[in-house]
N, C-alpha and C. Protein backbone atom coordinates (compact mmCIF):
# COMPACT_ATOMS: atom_id res chain seq x y z
N GLY A 1 35.04 104.98 153.74
CA GLY A 1 35.89 106.13 153.86
C GLY A 1 37.34 105.74 153.97
N CYS A 2 38.11 106.77 153.97
CA CYS A 2 39.57 106.63 154.03
C CYS A 2 40.03 106.96 155.43
N SER A 3 40.73 106.03 156.07
CA SER A 3 41.22 106.30 157.41
C SER A 3 42.45 107.19 157.35
N VAL A 4 42.74 107.83 158.45
CA VAL A 4 43.91 108.71 158.53
C VAL A 4 45.18 107.91 158.29
N LEU A 5 45.27 106.69 158.87
CA LEU A 5 46.45 105.86 158.72
C LEU A 5 46.70 105.49 157.26
N SER A 6 45.64 105.10 156.55
CA SER A 6 45.84 104.73 155.15
C SER A 6 46.21 105.95 154.31
N ALA A 7 45.69 107.13 154.64
CA ALA A 7 46.05 108.34 153.91
C ALA A 7 47.52 108.68 154.12
N VAL A 8 48.00 108.55 155.36
CA VAL A 8 49.41 108.82 155.66
C VAL A 8 50.29 107.80 154.95
N THR A 9 49.88 106.54 154.98
CA THR A 9 50.64 105.49 154.32
C THR A 9 50.71 105.74 152.82
N GLU A 10 49.60 106.14 152.21
CA GLU A 10 49.59 106.40 150.77
C GLU A 10 50.50 107.58 150.44
N ARG A 11 50.47 108.64 151.24
CA ARG A 11 51.35 109.77 151.01
C ARG A 11 52.81 109.35 151.10
N ARG A 12 53.11 108.47 152.05
CA ARG A 12 54.48 108.01 152.24
C ARG A 12 54.93 107.20 151.03
N ARG A 13 54.05 106.37 150.48
CA ARG A 13 54.40 105.58 149.29
C ARG A 13 54.72 106.49 148.12
N VAL A 14 53.92 107.53 147.94
CA VAL A 14 54.17 108.46 146.83
C VAL A 14 55.50 109.15 147.04
N ARG A 15 55.78 109.58 148.25
CA ARG A 15 57.03 110.27 148.56
C ARG A 15 58.22 109.32 148.36
N LEU A 16 58.08 108.04 148.75
CA LEU A 16 59.18 107.08 148.63
C LEU A 16 59.51 106.74 147.19
N ARG A 17 58.56 106.88 146.29
CA ARG A 17 58.82 106.57 144.88
C ARG A 17 59.90 107.47 144.30
N TRP A 18 60.09 108.65 144.87
CA TRP A 18 61.06 109.60 144.34
C TRP A 18 62.43 109.45 144.97
N LEU A 19 62.59 108.56 145.94
CA LEU A 19 63.89 108.37 146.58
C LEU A 19 64.75 107.42 145.75
N PRO A 20 66.08 107.55 145.83
CA PRO A 20 66.95 106.57 145.17
C PRO A 20 66.68 105.18 145.74
N SER A 21 66.92 104.17 144.92
CA SER A 21 66.56 102.80 145.33
C SER A 21 67.28 102.36 146.60
N THR A 22 68.53 102.79 146.82
CA THR A 22 69.24 102.38 148.03
C THR A 22 68.57 102.97 149.26
N LEU A 23 68.16 104.21 149.19
CA LEU A 23 67.46 104.82 150.32
C LEU A 23 66.10 104.18 150.52
N LEU A 24 65.44 103.85 149.43
CA LEU A 24 64.14 103.21 149.52
C LEU A 24 64.25 101.86 150.22
N GLN A 25 65.25 101.07 149.85
CA GLN A 25 65.44 99.78 150.50
C GLN A 25 65.72 99.96 151.99
N HIS A 26 66.55 100.94 152.34
CA HIS A 26 66.85 101.18 153.75
C HIS A 26 65.59 101.60 154.50
N SER A 27 64.78 102.44 153.88
CA SER A 27 63.55 102.89 154.53
C SER A 27 62.59 101.72 154.77
N ILE A 28 62.49 100.86 153.79
CA ILE A 28 61.59 99.71 153.93
C ILE A 28 62.12 98.76 154.99
N MET A 29 63.44 98.50 155.00
CA MET A 29 64.01 97.62 156.01
C MET A 29 63.88 98.20 157.40
N ALA A 30 63.93 99.53 157.51
CA ALA A 30 63.81 100.16 158.82
C ALA A 30 62.42 99.94 159.41
N ASP A 31 61.41 99.73 158.54
CA ASP A 31 60.06 99.49 159.01
C ASP A 31 59.84 98.05 159.44
N ASP A 32 60.70 97.14 158.98
CA ASP A 32 60.55 95.74 159.36
C ASP A 32 60.76 95.56 160.84
N GLU A 33 60.13 94.54 161.37
CA GLU A 33 60.30 94.22 162.78
C GLU A 33 61.73 93.73 163.01
N PRO A 34 62.45 94.32 163.96
CA PRO A 34 63.82 93.86 164.21
C PRO A 34 63.82 92.42 164.71
N GLN A 35 64.83 91.67 164.29
CA GLN A 35 64.94 90.29 164.69
C GLN A 35 66.14 90.13 165.62
N ASP A 36 65.95 89.39 166.69
CA ASP A 36 67.02 89.11 167.63
C ASP A 36 67.79 87.90 167.12
N VAL A 37 69.03 88.11 166.71
CA VAL A 37 69.84 87.03 166.17
C VAL A 37 70.66 86.32 167.25
N MET A 38 70.66 86.86 168.46
CA MET A 38 71.48 86.27 169.52
C MET A 38 71.14 84.82 169.83
N PRO A 39 69.87 84.43 169.93
CA PRO A 39 69.61 83.01 170.20
C PRO A 39 70.20 82.09 169.13
N GLN A 40 70.10 82.47 167.88
CA GLN A 40 70.66 81.66 166.80
C GLN A 40 72.18 81.62 166.90
N LEU A 41 72.81 82.76 167.17
CA LEU A 41 74.27 82.81 167.27
C LEU A 41 74.76 82.00 168.47
N ARG A 42 74.02 82.07 169.58
CA ARG A 42 74.42 81.28 170.75
C ARG A 42 74.28 79.79 170.49
N GLU A 43 73.25 79.41 169.75
CA GLU A 43 73.07 78.00 169.42
C GLU A 43 74.22 77.51 168.54
N GLU A 44 74.64 78.33 167.59
CA GLU A 44 75.77 77.97 166.73
C GLU A 44 77.06 77.89 167.55
N ALA A 45 77.23 78.79 168.51
CA ALA A 45 78.44 78.80 169.34
C ALA A 45 78.47 77.62 170.31
N HIS A 46 77.32 77.08 170.65
CA HIS A 46 77.25 75.96 171.59
C HIS A 46 78.10 74.79 171.10
N GLY A 47 78.09 74.53 169.82
CA GLY A 47 78.87 73.43 169.26
C GLY A 47 80.36 73.60 169.44
N MET A 48 80.81 74.85 169.59
CA MET A 48 82.23 75.12 169.79
C MET A 48 82.61 75.15 171.27
N CYS A 49 81.62 75.00 172.13
CA CYS A 49 81.86 75.11 173.57
C CYS A 49 81.37 73.87 174.31
N LEU A 50 81.52 72.73 173.70
CA LEU A 50 81.01 71.51 174.32
C LEU A 50 81.79 71.12 175.58
N GLY A 51 83.09 71.42 175.62
CA GLY A 51 83.90 71.11 176.80
C GLY A 51 83.39 71.83 178.05
N PRO A 52 83.30 73.16 178.02
CA PRO A 52 82.77 73.88 179.18
C PRO A 52 81.33 73.49 179.52
N TYR A 53 80.53 73.19 178.50
CA TYR A 53 79.15 72.79 178.76
C TYR A 53 79.10 71.43 179.44
N ALA A 54 79.95 70.51 179.01
CA ALA A 54 80.00 69.19 179.64
C ALA A 54 80.45 69.31 181.10
N ALA A 55 81.40 70.20 181.38
CA ALA A 55 81.84 70.41 182.76
C ALA A 55 80.69 70.97 183.61
N TYR A 56 79.91 71.87 183.03
CA TYR A 56 78.75 72.42 183.74
C TYR A 56 77.72 71.33 184.01
N GLU A 57 77.42 70.51 183.00
CA GLU A 57 76.44 69.43 183.20
C GLU A 57 76.92 68.42 184.24
N ALA A 58 78.22 68.11 184.24
CA ALA A 58 78.77 67.20 185.24
C ALA A 58 78.60 67.78 186.63
N CYS A 59 78.82 69.08 186.76
CA CYS A 59 78.63 69.74 188.05
C CYS A 59 77.18 69.65 188.49
N VAL A 60 76.26 69.87 187.58
CA VAL A 60 74.83 69.80 187.91
C VAL A 60 74.49 68.40 188.43
N GLU A 61 75.03 67.38 187.79
CA GLU A 61 74.77 66.01 188.24
C GLU A 61 75.36 65.76 189.63
N ARG A 62 76.56 66.29 189.88
CA ARG A 62 77.17 66.15 191.22
C ARG A 62 76.32 66.83 192.28
N ILE A 63 75.81 68.00 191.95
CA ILE A 63 74.97 68.76 192.90
C ILE A 63 73.68 67.99 193.18
N LYS A 64 73.11 67.41 192.15
CA LYS A 64 71.89 66.62 192.36
C LYS A 64 72.17 65.45 193.29
N ALA A 65 73.32 64.80 193.13
CA ALA A 65 73.67 63.65 193.97
C ALA A 65 73.95 64.07 195.41
N LYS A 66 74.67 65.19 195.58
CA LYS A 66 75.02 65.68 196.92
C LYS A 66 73.84 66.33 197.62
N GLY A 67 73.07 67.07 196.83
CA GLY A 67 71.94 67.79 197.42
C GLY A 67 72.26 69.23 197.77
N HIS A 68 73.51 69.65 197.58
CA HIS A 68 73.86 71.06 197.85
C HIS A 68 75.11 71.44 197.04
N GLY A 69 75.31 72.73 196.88
CA GLY A 69 76.44 73.25 196.12
C GLY A 69 75.97 74.17 195.01
N GLU A 70 76.93 74.62 194.22
CA GLU A 70 76.57 75.49 193.10
C GLU A 70 77.48 75.24 191.92
N CYS A 71 76.98 75.56 190.77
CA CYS A 71 77.71 75.35 189.51
C CYS A 71 77.92 76.66 188.76
N GLU A 72 77.71 77.75 189.43
CA GLU A 72 77.81 79.05 188.78
C GLU A 72 79.14 79.27 188.05
N PRO A 73 80.29 78.95 188.65
CA PRO A 73 81.56 79.17 187.93
C PRO A 73 81.63 78.38 186.61
N TYR A 74 81.10 77.15 186.60
CA TYR A 74 81.11 76.35 185.38
C TYR A 74 80.19 76.96 184.33
N TYR A 75 79.06 77.48 184.78
CA TYR A 75 78.13 78.10 183.85
C TYR A 75 78.74 79.36 183.24
N PHE A 76 79.42 80.15 184.06
CA PHE A 76 80.06 81.37 183.54
C PHE A 76 81.20 81.03 182.58
N ASP A 77 81.90 79.93 182.81
CA ASP A 77 82.93 79.49 181.86
C ASP A 77 82.30 79.16 180.51
N TYR A 78 81.15 78.50 180.56
CA TYR A 78 80.43 78.18 179.33
C TYR A 78 79.96 79.46 178.62
N LEU A 79 79.40 80.39 179.37
CA LEU A 79 78.94 81.65 178.76
C LEU A 79 80.10 82.44 178.17
N LYS A 80 81.24 82.43 178.85
CA LYS A 80 82.42 83.14 178.35
C LYS A 80 82.84 82.56 177.01
N CYS A 81 82.80 81.23 176.90
CA CYS A 81 83.16 80.56 175.65
C CYS A 81 82.18 80.92 174.54
N THR A 82 80.88 80.85 174.81
CA THR A 82 79.90 81.18 173.77
C THR A 82 80.00 82.64 173.36
N ASP A 83 80.18 83.52 174.32
CA ASP A 83 80.31 84.95 174.00
C ASP A 83 81.51 85.21 173.10
N LYS A 84 82.60 84.49 173.37
CA LYS A 84 83.82 84.65 172.56
C LYS A 84 83.53 84.31 171.10
N HIS A 85 82.72 83.29 170.86
CA HIS A 85 82.41 82.89 169.49
C HIS A 85 81.28 83.73 168.88
N VAL A 86 80.34 84.18 169.70
CA VAL A 86 79.22 85.01 169.20
C VAL A 86 79.73 86.37 168.75
N ILE A 87 80.66 86.94 169.49
CA ILE A 87 81.11 88.30 169.18
C ILE A 87 81.73 88.38 167.79
N LYS A 88 82.26 87.28 167.28
CA LYS A 88 82.84 87.27 165.94
C LYS A 88 81.79 87.50 164.86
N ASN A 89 80.55 87.12 165.13
CA ASN A 89 79.50 87.19 164.10
C ASN A 89 78.42 88.22 164.38
N VAL A 90 78.31 88.72 165.58
CA VAL A 90 77.17 89.58 165.92
C VAL A 90 77.18 90.90 165.14
N PHE A 91 78.35 91.44 164.87
CA PHE A 91 78.40 92.73 164.19
C PHE A 91 78.04 92.62 162.71
N LYS A 92 78.09 91.42 162.16
CA LYS A 92 77.67 91.23 160.77
C LYS A 92 76.18 91.43 160.62
N HIS A 93 75.43 91.27 161.72
CA HIS A 93 73.97 91.35 161.67
C HIS A 93 73.45 92.73 162.05
N LEU A 94 74.31 93.62 162.52
CA LEU A 94 73.86 94.95 162.91
C LEU A 94 73.85 95.87 161.70
N LYS A 95 72.91 96.79 161.70
CA LYS A 95 72.81 97.75 160.58
C LYS A 95 73.34 99.08 161.00
């Protein structure tokens, strides 16, 4: 037999055949699973923020040696740097 889902899908295919190709492409892309591009963009930005990251890592090593303290300000400096570089590219990936 024919399931309800396959019947609805088939009707949608027939209806989509009559749409202009640009709308059809948009409709098909809208059904795709959205992809989170932030991890990739942050990884790319990491290379531009090696100074703040090195300062953060140095702090972590000092804390390990001392046994107490925090490195939060250094980590936020690193995040601020990566965000500055990510924001330049993130809007290119939004629809």
